[in-house]
Amino acid sequence: MGVVIWIIIGVAVLVISYVVVIYNRLVRLRALVRESWSGITVQLRRRADLVPNLVSAVKGYASHERELLENVTAHRGDAISAKSVGATAQADAALSGMLGRLIAVAEAYPDLKADANFRQLQDELSEVEEELARARRYYNATVRDLNTQVQSFPDVVVAQPLGFKVEEPYADADTAIQTAPKVDFG
């Protein structure tokens, strides 16, 4: 009888230890997701801080592009103030599109393209966009790792009761990139 009790106690200790290991792994993965989301918001803030300077530089040369300049200024903080990953991605894509049009407008003005301040701002924006792309990839990798653990057996048995859930990846809202372009040589 004493041996049976020790076997039961040993199995219980093993099960508890395994649950603790799973829990700690899930906590670490959730922390990585939160940290990586913070990296995205830092880059979005950096970009939002560049927008007024970029708009000011363009405004001096292309004041008749008033609607575009106002839209860029009005939407510069939308991604930062969004409340969900999906809303952030949508606002980010919208601002990226507007900034692309703003740069395209700037290309039509040789004096503006030659302006050292504008070139510096354009370089900074390019750097921020690269950092933002890296932050998005890192976030999606950490979300993938957490989601895999949360949905895998035996972790799912521990994850759901302890409040771990599947996180939303950062996805581009542009559905056009998800289909192959049609090429017609005729």
N, C-alpha and C. Protein backbone atom coordinates (compact mmCIF):
# COMPACT_ATOMS: atom_id res chain seq x y z
N MET A 1 0.81 -1.19 0.00
CA MET A 1 0.00 0.00 0.00
C MET A 1 0.86 1.27 0.00
N GLY A 2 1.96 1.27 0.74
CA GLY A 2 2.84 2.43 0.81
C GLY A 2 3.50 2.73 -0.52
N VAL A 3 3.81 1.69 -1.30
CA VAL A 3 4.43 1.87 -2.61
C VAL A 3 3.46 2.54 -3.58
N VAL A 4 2.18 2.17 -3.50
CA VAL A 4 1.15 2.73 -4.37
C VAL A 4 1.01 4.23 -4.11
N ILE A 5 1.03 4.61 -2.85
CA ILE A 5 0.93 6.04 -2.49
C ILE A 5 2.12 6.81 -3.05
N TRP A 6 3.31 6.24 -2.94
CA TRP A 6 4.50 6.91 -3.47
C TRP A 6 4.44 7.02 -4.99
N ILE A 7 3.91 6.02 -5.64
CA ILE A 7 3.76 6.07 -7.11
C ILE A 7 2.75 7.16 -7.49
N ILE A 8 1.64 7.25 -6.75
CA ILE A 8 0.63 8.29 -7.01
C ILE A 8 1.22 9.67 -6.77
N ILE A 9 1.96 9.81 -5.68
CA ILE A 9 2.61 11.10 -5.38
C ILE A 9 3.62 11.44 -6.47
N GLY A 10 4.40 10.48 -6.92
CA GLY A 10 5.39 10.69 -7.97
C GLY A 10 4.74 11.11 -9.28
N VAL A 11 3.65 10.45 -9.66
CA VAL A 11 2.92 10.81 -10.89
C VAL A 11 2.34 12.21 -10.76
N ALA A 12 1.79 12.53 -9.60
CA ALA A 12 1.21 13.86 -9.37
C ALA A 12 2.28 14.94 -9.49
N VAL A 13 3.46 14.68 -8.91
CA VAL A 13 4.57 15.64 -9.00
C VAL A 13 5.00 15.83 -10.46
N LEU A 14 5.07 14.74 -11.21
CA LEU A 14 5.43 14.83 -12.63
C LEU A 14 4.40 15.63 -13.42
N VAL A 15 3.13 15.37 -13.18
CA VAL A 15 2.06 16.09 -13.90
C VAL A 15 2.11 17.57 -13.55
N ILE A 16 2.24 17.88 -12.27
CA ILE A 16 2.31 19.29 -11.85
C ILE A 16 3.54 19.97 -12.45
N SER A 17 4.67 19.28 -12.44
CA SER A 17 5.89 19.84 -13.02
C SER A 17 5.71 20.12 -14.50
N TYR A 18 5.07 19.18 -15.20
CA TYR A 18 4.84 19.36 -16.64
C TYR A 18 3.91 20.53 -16.91
N VAL A 19 2.87 20.69 -16.10
CA VAL A 19 1.95 21.83 -16.24
C VAL A 19 2.70 23.14 -16.01
N VAL A 20 3.58 23.17 -15.03
CA VAL A 20 4.38 24.37 -14.75
C VAL A 20 5.28 24.70 -15.94
N VAL A 21 5.91 23.69 -16.52
CA VAL A 21 6.77 23.90 -17.69
C VAL A 21 5.96 24.47 -18.86
N ILE A 22 4.80 23.89 -19.12
CA ILE A 22 3.94 24.38 -20.21
C ILE A 22 3.51 25.82 -19.92
N TYR A 23 3.07 26.09 -18.70
CA TYR A 23 2.62 27.43 -18.33
C TYR A 23 3.74 28.45 -18.52
N ASN A 24 4.93 28.13 -18.05
CA ASN A 24 6.05 29.07 -18.18
C ASN A 24 6.41 29.33 -19.64
N ARG A 25 6.33 28.29 -20.48
CA ARG A 25 6.60 28.46 -21.91
C ARG A 25 5.55 29.38 -22.54
N LEU A 26 4.30 29.19 -22.18
CA LEU A 26 3.23 30.04 -22.72
C LEU A 26 3.37 31.48 -22.25
N VAL A 27 3.75 31.67 -21.00
CA VAL A 27 3.98 33.02 -20.48
C VAL A 27 5.11 33.70 -21.25
N ARG A 28 6.19 32.97 -21.49
CA ARG A 28 7.32 33.53 -22.24
C ARG A 28 6.90 33.91 -23.66
N LEU A 29 6.15 33.04 -24.31
CA LEU A 29 5.70 33.34 -25.68
C LEU A 29 4.75 34.53 -25.71
N ARG A 30 3.86 34.62 -24.74
CA ARG A 30 2.95 35.77 -24.67
C ARG A 30 3.74 37.06 -24.44
N ALA A 31 4.76 37.00 -23.62
CA ALA A 31 5.60 38.18 -23.38
C ALA A 31 6.32 38.59 -24.67
N LEU A 32 6.78 37.63 -25.45
CA LEU A 32 7.43 37.94 -26.73
C LEU A 32 6.46 38.59 -27.71
N VAL A 33 5.22 38.13 -27.72
CA VAL A 33 4.20 38.75 -28.59
C VAL A 33 3.98 40.20 -28.17
N ARG A 34 3.85 40.43 -26.88
CA ARG A 34 3.64 41.81 -26.40
C ARG A 34 4.85 42.69 -26.69
N GLU A 35 6.02 42.15 -26.50
CA GLU A 35 7.25 42.91 -26.80
C GLU A 35 7.32 43.23 -28.29
N SER A 36 7.01 42.28 -29.12
CA SER A 36 7.09 42.52 -30.57
C SER A 36 6.02 43.50 -31.02
N TRP A 37 4.85 43.49 -30.39
CA TRP A 37 3.82 44.48 -30.71
C TRP A 37 4.32 45.87 -30.34
N SER A 38 5.01 45.97 -29.24
CA SER A 38 5.59 47.24 -28.82
C SER A 38 6.57 47.75 -29.88
N GLY A 39 7.33 46.85 -30.49
CA GLY A 39 8.25 47.25 -31.56
C GLY A 39 7.52 47.86 -32.74
N ILE A 40 6.36 47.31 -33.06
CA ILE A 40 5.56 47.88 -34.16
C ILE A 40 5.09 49.28 -33.78
N THR A 41 4.57 49.44 -32.57
CA THR A 41 4.05 50.75 -32.19
C THR A 41 5.16 51.81 -32.12
N VAL A 42 6.36 51.41 -31.73
CA VAL A 42 7.48 52.35 -31.73
C VAL A 42 7.75 52.86 -33.15
N GLN A 43 7.77 51.95 -34.12
CA GLN A 43 8.04 52.34 -35.50
C GLN A 43 6.89 53.17 -36.08
N LEU A 44 5.65 52.84 -35.71
CA LEU A 44 4.51 53.64 -36.17
C LEU A 44 4.59 55.05 -35.62
N ARG A 45 5.02 55.18 -34.36
CA ARG A 45 5.19 56.52 -33.78
C ARG A 45 6.30 57.30 -34.49
N ARG A 46 7.41 56.62 -34.76
CA ARG A 46 8.51 57.28 -35.48
C ARG A 46 8.03 57.79 -36.82
N ARG A 47 7.27 56.97 -37.53
CA ARG A 47 6.76 57.39 -38.84
C ARG A 47 5.78 58.54 -38.68
N ALA A 48 4.88 58.45 -37.71
CA ALA A 48 3.91 59.52 -37.48
C ALA A 48 4.61 60.83 -37.14
N ASP A 49 5.73 60.76 -36.43
CA ASP A 49 6.49 61.97 -36.09
C ASP A 49 7.16 62.58 -37.32
N LEU A 50 7.49 61.76 -38.31
CA LEU A 50 8.11 62.27 -39.54
C LEU A 50 7.11 62.94 -40.48
N VAL A 51 5.86 62.51 -40.42
CA VAL A 51 4.86 62.97 -41.37
C VAL A 51 4.70 64.49 -41.40
N PRO A 52 4.55 65.19 -40.26
CA PRO A 52 4.37 66.64 -40.35
C PRO A 52 5.55 67.34 -41.04
N ASN A 53 6.77 66.88 -40.77
CA ASN A 53 7.93 67.49 -41.43
C ASN A 53 7.92 67.21 -42.92
N LEU A 54 7.56 66.02 -43.29
CA LEU A 54 7.50 65.65 -44.71
C LEU A 54 6.42 66.46 -45.41
N VAL A 55 5.26 66.58 -44.79
CA VAL A 55 4.16 67.36 -45.37
C VAL A 55 4.57 68.82 -45.51
N SER A 56 5.25 69.35 -44.50
CA SER A 56 5.70 70.75 -44.57
C SER A 56 6.67 70.97 -45.73
N ALA A 57 7.58 70.02 -45.91
CA ALA A 57 8.54 70.15 -47.01
C ALA A 57 7.83 70.12 -48.35
N VAL A 58 6.87 69.21 -48.51
CA VAL A 58 6.15 69.11 -49.78
C VAL A 58 5.24 70.31 -49.98
N LYS A 59 4.62 70.78 -48.90
CA LYS A 59 3.68 71.89 -48.97
C LYS A 59 4.31 73.13 -49.58
N GLY A 60 5.57 73.37 -49.27
CA GLY A 60 6.25 74.54 -49.82
C GLY A 60 6.38 74.50 -51.33
N TYR A 61 6.39 73.32 -51.92
CA TYR A 61 6.58 73.17 -53.36
C TYR A 61 5.29 72.79 -54.09
N ALA A 62 4.43 72.06 -53.41
CA ALA A 62 3.24 71.53 -54.07
C ALA A 62 1.98 71.87 -53.28
N SER A 63 1.77 73.15 -53.05
CA SER A 63 0.65 73.58 -52.22
C SER A 63 -0.70 73.25 -52.86
N HIS A 64 -0.76 73.06 -54.16
CA HIS A 64 -2.04 72.75 -54.81
C HIS A 64 -2.47 71.29 -54.56
N GLU A 65 -1.62 70.49 -53.94
CA GLU A 65 -1.96 69.11 -53.57
C GLU A 65 -2.55 69.12 -52.16
N ARG A 66 -3.32 70.13 -51.88
CA ARG A 66 -3.85 70.39 -50.54
C ARG A 66 -4.62 69.20 -49.96
N GLU A 67 -5.50 68.57 -50.73
CA GLU A 67 -6.31 67.46 -50.22
C GLU A 67 -5.44 66.30 -49.75
N LEU A 68 -4.44 65.94 -50.55
CA LEU A 68 -3.55 64.85 -50.17
C LEU A 68 -2.78 65.22 -48.91
N LEU A 69 -2.26 66.44 -48.83
CA LEU A 69 -1.50 66.87 -47.66
C LEU A 69 -2.37 66.84 -46.41
N GLU A 70 -3.63 67.28 -46.53
CA GLU A 70 -4.53 67.26 -45.38
C GLU A 70 -4.86 65.83 -44.96
N ASN A 71 -5.06 64.93 -45.94
CA ASN A 71 -5.37 63.54 -45.62
C ASN A 71 -4.20 62.86 -44.89
N VAL A 72 -3.01 63.11 -45.38
CA VAL A 72 -1.83 62.52 -44.74
C VAL A 72 -1.72 63.01 -43.30
N THR A 73 -1.88 64.30 -43.11
CA THR A 73 -1.79 64.87 -41.77
C THR A 73 -2.90 64.34 -40.86
N ALA A 74 -4.11 64.25 -41.39
CA ALA A 74 -5.24 63.82 -40.59
C ALA A 74 -5.12 62.35 -40.17
N HIS A 75 -4.53 61.53 -41.00
CA HIS A 75 -4.49 60.08 -40.72
C HIS A 75 -3.16 59.61 -40.14
N ARG A 76 -2.27 60.52 -39.83
CA ARG A 76 -0.94 60.10 -39.40
C ARG A 76 -0.95 59.34 -38.08
N GLY A 77 -1.88 59.60 -37.20
CA GLY A 77 -1.91 58.92 -35.90
C GLY A 77 -2.91 57.78 -35.80
N ASP A 78 -3.62 57.48 -36.90
CA ASP A 78 -4.65 56.44 -36.84
C ASP A 78 -4.10 55.08 -36.43
N ALA A 79 -2.97 54.69 -36.95
CA ALA A 79 -2.42 53.37 -36.64
C ALA A 79 -2.00 53.28 -35.17
N ILE A 80 -1.53 54.38 -34.63
CA ILE A 80 -1.10 54.38 -33.22
C ILE A 80 -2.30 54.31 -32.29
N SER A 81 -3.40 54.98 -32.67
CA SER A 81 -4.57 55.03 -31.79
C SER A 81 -5.53 53.86 -32.01
N ALA A 82 -5.28 53.02 -33.00
CA ALA A 82 -6.16 51.87 -33.26
C ALA A 82 -6.16 50.94 -32.06
N LYS A 83 -7.28 50.26 -31.87
CA LYS A 83 -7.45 49.42 -30.68
C LYS A 83 -7.19 47.94 -30.90
N SER A 84 -7.01 47.51 -32.14
CA SER A 84 -6.76 46.09 -32.39
C SER A 84 -5.68 45.93 -33.45
N VAL A 85 -5.18 44.72 -33.56
CA VAL A 85 -4.15 44.45 -34.56
C VAL A 85 -4.71 44.70 -35.97
N GLY A 86 -5.92 44.23 -36.23
CA GLY A 86 -6.53 44.42 -37.55
C GLY A 86 -6.75 45.89 -37.88
N ALA A 87 -7.25 46.65 -36.92
CA ALA A 87 -7.48 48.08 -37.14
C ALA A 87 -6.16 48.81 -37.35
N THR A 88 -5.14 48.41 -36.62
CA THR A 88 -3.82 49.02 -36.78
C THR A 88 -3.27 48.73 -38.18
N ALA A 89 -3.39 47.48 -38.61
CA ALA A 89 -2.91 47.10 -39.94
C ALA A 89 -3.64 47.87 -41.02
N GLN A 90 -4.95 48.05 -40.87
CA GLN A 90 -5.73 48.78 -41.87
C GLN A 90 -5.32 50.25 -41.91
N ALA A 91 -5.18 50.88 -40.75
CA ALA A 91 -4.77 52.28 -40.70
C ALA A 91 -3.34 52.44 -41.22
N ASP A 92 -2.49 51.50 -40.89
CA ASP A 92 -1.10 51.52 -41.36
C ASP A 92 -1.05 51.44 -42.89
N ALA A 93 -1.84 50.54 -43.47
CA ALA A 93 -1.87 50.39 -44.92
C ALA A 93 -2.39 51.66 -45.60
N ALA A 94 -3.41 52.27 -44.99
CA ALA A 94 -3.97 53.50 -45.56
C ALA A 94 -2.93 54.63 -45.55
N LEU A 95 -2.23 54.79 -44.42
CA LEU A 95 -1.21 55.83 -44.35
C LEU A 95 -0.05 55.53 -45.29
N SER A 96 0.34 54.27 -45.39
CA SER A 96 1.41 53.90 -46.31
C SER A 96 1.04 54.28 -47.74
N GLY A 97 -0.20 54.03 -48.11
CA GLY A 97 -0.66 54.39 -49.46
C GLY A 97 -0.62 55.89 -49.68
N MET A 98 -1.06 56.65 -48.68
CA MET A 98 -1.04 58.11 -48.79
C MET A 98 0.40 58.63 -48.87
N LEU A 99 1.29 58.05 -48.07
CA LEU A 99 2.69 58.48 -48.12
C LEU A 99 3.31 58.15 -49.47
N GLY A 100 2.93 57.00 -50.04
CA GLY A 100 3.40 56.65 -51.38
C GLY A 100 2.96 57.68 -52.40
N ARG A 101 1.70 58.11 -52.30
CA ARG A 101 1.21 59.16 -53.23
C ARG A 101 1.93 60.48 -52.98
N LEU A 102 2.21 60.77 -51.71
CA LEU A 102 2.91 62.01 -51.38
C LEU A 102 4.32 62.01 -51.99
N ILE A 103 5.01 60.90 -51.90
CA ILE A 103 6.35 60.79 -52.50
C ILE A 103 6.24 60.87 -54.02
N ALA A 104 5.21 60.26 -54.59
CA ALA A 104 5.01 60.32 -56.04
C ALA A 104 4.77 61.76 -56.49
N VAL A 105 4.00 62.52 -55.72
CA VAL A 105 3.77 63.94 -56.03
C VAL A 105 5.10 64.69 -55.97
N ALA A 106 5.89 64.37 -54.96
CA ALA A 106 7.18 65.05 -54.80
C ALA A 106 8.10 64.80 -55.98
N GLU A 107 7.98 63.63 -56.60
CA GLU A 107 8.82 63.30 -57.75
C GLU A 107 8.58 64.25 -58.92
N ALA A 108 7.40 64.86 -58.96
CA ALA A 108 7.07 65.78 -60.06
C ALA A 108 7.71 67.16 -59.88
N TYR A 109 8.35 67.39 -58.76
CA TYR A 109 8.93 68.69 -58.47
C TYR A 109 10.45 68.56 -58.31
N PRO A 110 11.20 68.88 -59.37
CA PRO A 110 12.67 68.72 -59.30
C PRO A 110 13.31 69.53 -58.17
N ASP A 111 12.78 70.72 -57.90
CA ASP A 111 13.35 71.53 -56.82
C ASP A 111 13.16 70.84 -55.47
N LEU A 112 12.01 70.22 -55.30
CA LEU A 112 11.74 69.51 -54.05
C LEU A 112 12.64 68.28 -53.93
N LYS A 113 12.78 67.52 -55.03
CA LYS A 113 13.65 66.34 -55.00
C LYS A 113 15.09 66.73 -54.68
N ALA A 114 15.49 67.94 -55.07
CA ALA A 114 16.85 68.40 -54.83
C ALA A 114 17.03 68.98 -53.42
N ASP A 115 15.93 69.27 -52.74
CA ASP A 115 15.99 69.87 -51.41
C ASP A 115 16.61 68.88 -50.42
N ALA A 116 17.66 69.32 -49.74
CA ALA A 116 18.40 68.44 -48.82
C ALA A 116 17.51 67.99 -47.66
N ASN A 117 16.69 68.88 -47.15
CA ASN A 117 15.80 68.54 -46.04
C ASN A 117 14.81 67.46 -46.46
N PHE A 118 14.23 67.61 -47.65
CA PHE A 118 13.28 66.61 -48.14
C PHE A 118 13.98 65.27 -48.35
N ARG A 119 15.16 65.28 -48.93
CA ARG A 119 15.89 64.03 -49.16
C ARG A 119 16.20 63.33 -47.84
N GLN A 120 16.59 64.12 -46.82
CA GLN A 120 16.86 63.54 -45.51
C GLN A 120 15.59 62.93 -44.92
N LEU A 121 14.47 63.64 -45.02
CA LEU A 121 13.20 63.12 -44.51
C LEU A 121 12.79 61.86 -45.26
N GLN A 122 13.01 61.86 -46.57
CA GLN A 122 12.68 60.69 -47.39
C GLN A 122 13.54 59.49 -46.97
N ASP A 123 14.81 59.74 -46.71
CA ASP A 123 15.70 58.66 -46.26
C ASP A 123 15.27 58.13 -44.89
N GLU A 124 14.91 59.05 -43.99
CA GLU A 124 14.45 58.64 -42.66
C GLU A 124 13.16 57.82 -42.77
N LEU A 125 12.26 58.25 -43.64
CA LEU A 125 11.01 57.53 -43.84
C LEU A 125 11.28 56.13 -44.39
N SER A 126 12.21 56.04 -45.32
CA SER A 126 12.58 54.75 -45.88
C SER A 126 13.14 53.83 -44.80
N GLU A 127 13.98 54.38 -43.94
CA GLU A 127 14.56 53.61 -42.84
C GLU A 127 13.47 53.14 -41.87
N VAL A 128 12.54 54.03 -41.55
CA VAL A 128 11.45 53.67 -40.63
C VAL A 128 10.58 52.58 -41.26
N GLU A 129 10.32 52.69 -42.56
CA GLU A 129 9.50 51.67 -43.23
C GLU A 129 10.19 50.30 -43.19
N GLU A 130 11.50 50.28 -43.36
CA GLU A 130 12.24 49.02 -43.27
C GLU A 130 12.18 48.45 -41.85
N GLU A 131 12.35 49.30 -40.86
CA GLU A 131 12.25 48.86 -39.46
C GLU A 131 10.85 48.36 -39.15
N LEU A 132 9.85 49.04 -39.70
CA LEU A 132 8.46 48.63 -39.48
C LEU A 132 8.20 47.27 -40.11
N ALA A 133 8.73 47.04 -41.28
CA ALA A 133 8.57 45.73 -41.93
C ALA A 133 9.22 44.64 -41.10
N ARG A 134 10.41 44.92 -40.55
CA ARG A 134 11.08 43.94 -39.69
C ARG A 134 10.26 43.68 -38.42
N ALA A 135 9.72 44.75 -37.84
CA ALA A 135 8.92 44.60 -36.62
C ALA A 135 7.66 43.78 -36.89
N ARG A 136 7.04 43.99 -38.05
CA ARG A 136 5.85 43.20 -38.42
C ARG A 136 6.21 41.72 -38.56
N ARG A 137 7.32 41.45 -39.23
CA ARG A 137 7.73 40.05 -39.41
C ARG A 137 8.02 39.38 -38.06
N TYR A 138 8.71 40.09 -37.18
CA TYR A 138 9.02 39.56 -35.86
C TYR A 138 7.74 39.31 -35.07
N TYR A 139 6.82 40.26 -35.12
CA TYR A 139 5.54 40.10 -34.42
C TYR A 139 4.82 38.85 -34.94
N ASN A 140 4.72 38.73 -36.24
CA ASN A 140 4.01 37.58 -36.81
C ASN A 140 4.69 36.26 -36.46
N ALA A 141 6.01 36.25 -36.37
CA ALA A 141 6.72 35.03 -35.97
C ALA A 141 6.41 34.68 -34.52
N THR A 142 6.38 35.68 -33.64
CA THR A 142 6.07 35.38 -32.23
C THR A 142 4.61 34.97 -32.06
N VAL A 143 3.72 35.58 -32.83
CA VAL A 143 2.31 35.18 -32.79
C VAL A 143 2.16 33.75 -33.29
N ARG A 144 2.87 33.41 -34.36
CA ARG A 144 2.82 32.03 -34.88
C ARG A 144 3.27 31.04 -33.82
N ASP A 145 4.38 31.36 -33.14
CA ASP A 145 4.89 30.44 -32.12
C ASP A 145 3.90 30.28 -30.96
N LEU A 146 3.34 31.40 -30.49
CA LEU A 146 2.36 31.31 -29.40
C LEU A 146 1.13 30.54 -29.85
N ASN A 147 0.60 30.88 -31.02
CA ASN A 147 -0.61 30.21 -31.50
C ASN A 147 -0.39 28.71 -31.68
N THR A 148 0.79 28.34 -32.15
CA THR A 148 1.09 26.91 -32.31
C THR A 148 1.05 26.20 -30.96
N GLN A 149 1.64 26.81 -29.95
CA GLN A 149 1.65 26.20 -28.62
C GLN A 149 0.25 26.15 -28.01
N VAL A 150 -0.49 27.26 -28.15
CA VAL A 150 -1.83 27.34 -27.56
C VAL A 150 -2.76 26.30 -28.17
N GLN A 151 -2.54 25.96 -29.43
CA GLN A 151 -3.44 25.04 -30.12
C GLN A 151 -2.93 23.59 -30.15
N SER A 152 -1.73 23.36 -29.67
CA SER A 152 -1.14 22.01 -29.73
C SER A 152 -1.43 21.24 -28.44
N PHE A 153 -1.58 19.93 -28.63
CA PHE A 153 -1.75 19.05 -27.47
C PHE A 153 -0.38 18.68 -26.93
N PRO A 154 -0.13 18.68 -25.69
CA PRO A 154 -1.01 18.81 -24.53
C PRO A 154 -1.13 20.24 -24.02
N ASP A 155 -0.42 21.20 -24.67
CA ASP A 155 -0.45 22.58 -24.19
C ASP A 155 -1.86 23.16 -24.17
N VAL A 156 -2.70 22.78 -25.11
CA VAL A 156 -4.06 23.28 -25.19
C VAL A 156 -4.84 22.97 -23.91
N VAL A 157 -4.52 21.86 -23.27
CA VAL A 157 -5.20 21.47 -22.04
C VAL A 157 -4.87 22.45 -20.91
N VAL A 158 -3.68 23.00 -20.94
CA VAL A 158 -3.26 23.96 -19.92
C VAL A 158 -3.61 25.38 -20.35
N ALA A 159 -3.44 25.70 -21.63
CA ALA A 159 -3.58 27.06 -22.13
C ALA A 159 -5.00 27.62 -21.96
N GLN A 160 -5.98 26.89 -22.42
CA GLN A 160 -7.35 27.41 -22.39
C GLN A 160 -7.85 27.70 -20.98
N PRO A 161 -7.71 26.78 -20.05
CA PRO A 161 -8.20 27.07 -18.69
C PRO A 161 -7.45 28.23 -18.02
N LEU A 162 -6.20 28.45 -18.42
CA LEU A 162 -5.42 29.53 -17.80
C LEU A 162 -5.50 30.85 -18.57
N GLY A 163 -6.38 30.92 -19.57
CA GLY A 163 -6.65 32.18 -20.25
C GLY A 163 -5.76 32.52 -21.42
N PHE A 164 -4.95 31.60 -21.88
CA PHE A 164 -4.13 31.87 -23.06
C PHE A 164 -5.00 31.69 -24.29
N LYS A 165 -4.86 32.62 -25.24
CA LYS A 165 -5.70 32.54 -26.43
C LYS A 165 -4.87 32.77 -27.68
N VAL A 166 -5.45 32.43 -28.80
CA VAL A 166 -4.82 32.64 -30.09
C VAL A 166 -4.78 34.14 -30.35
N GLU A 167 -3.62 34.64 -30.77
CA GLU A 167 -3.45 36.06 -31.08
C GLU A 167 -3.63 36.30 -32.57
N GLU A 168 -4.03 37.51 -32.92
CA GLU A 168 -4.25 37.88 -34.31
C GLU A 168 -2.93 38.30 -34.96
N PRO A 169 -2.59 37.71 -36.10
CA PRO A 169 -1.37 38.15 -36.79
C PRO A 169 -1.58 39.49 -37.46
N TYR A 170 -0.49 40.15 -37.77
CA TYR A 170 -0.53 41.44 -38.46
C TYR A 170 -0.61 41.15 -39.95
N ALA A 171 -1.75 41.42 -40.54
CA ALA A 171 -1.96 41.08 -41.95
C ALA A 171 -2.24 42.33 -42.76
N ASP A 172 -1.75 42.35 -43.99
CA ASP A 172 -2.01 43.45 -44.90
C ASP A 172 -3.46 43.40 -45.34
N ALA A 173 -4.14 44.52 -45.25
CA ALA A 173 -5.56 44.57 -45.59
C ALA A 173 -5.81 44.57 -47.10
N ASP A 174 -4.78 44.72 -47.88
CA ASP A 174 -4.93 44.78 -49.34
C ASP A 174 -5.12 43.37 -49.89
N THR A 175 -6.34 43.05 -50.29
CA THR A 175 -6.62 41.72 -50.82
C THR A 175 -6.02 41.50 -52.20
N ALA A 176 -5.67 42.56 -52.88
CA ALA A 176 -5.10 42.44 -54.23
C ALA A 176 -3.75 41.71 -54.20
N ILE A 177 -3.02 41.79 -53.09
CA ILE A 177 -1.72 41.14 -53.04
C ILE A 177 -1.83 39.64 -52.84
N GLN A 178 -3.04 39.17 -52.53
CA GLN A 178 -3.23 37.74 -52.28
C GLN A 178 -3.58 36.96 -53.54
N THR A 179 -3.72 37.63 -54.66
CA THR A 179 -4.02 36.94 -55.91
C THR A 179 -2.93 37.26 -56.93
N ALA A 180 -2.70 36.32 -57.80
CA ALA A 180 -1.69 36.51 -58.83
C ALA A 180 -2.18 37.52 -59.86
N PRO A 181 -1.32 38.41 -60.30
CA PRO A 181 -1.74 39.37 -61.32
C PRO A 181 -1.97 38.69 -62.66
N LYS A 182 -2.90 39.22 -63.43
CA LYS A 182 -3.16 38.69 -64.77
C LYS A 182 -2.21 39.36 -65.74
N VAL A 183 -1.55 38.54 -66.51
CA VAL A 183 -0.61 39.04 -67.51
C VAL A 183 -1.18 38.72 -68.88
N ASP A 184 -1.29 39.75 -69.71
CA ASP A 184 -1.86 39.57 -71.05
C ASP A 184 -0.89 40.17 -72.06
N PHE A 185 -0.30 39.32 -72.86
CA PHE A 185 0.63 39.79 -73.88
C PHE A 185 -0.06 40.03 -75.23
N GLY A 186 -1.41 39.86 -75.25
CA GLY A 186 -2.15 39.99 -76.50
C GLY A 186 -2.60 41.37 -76.68
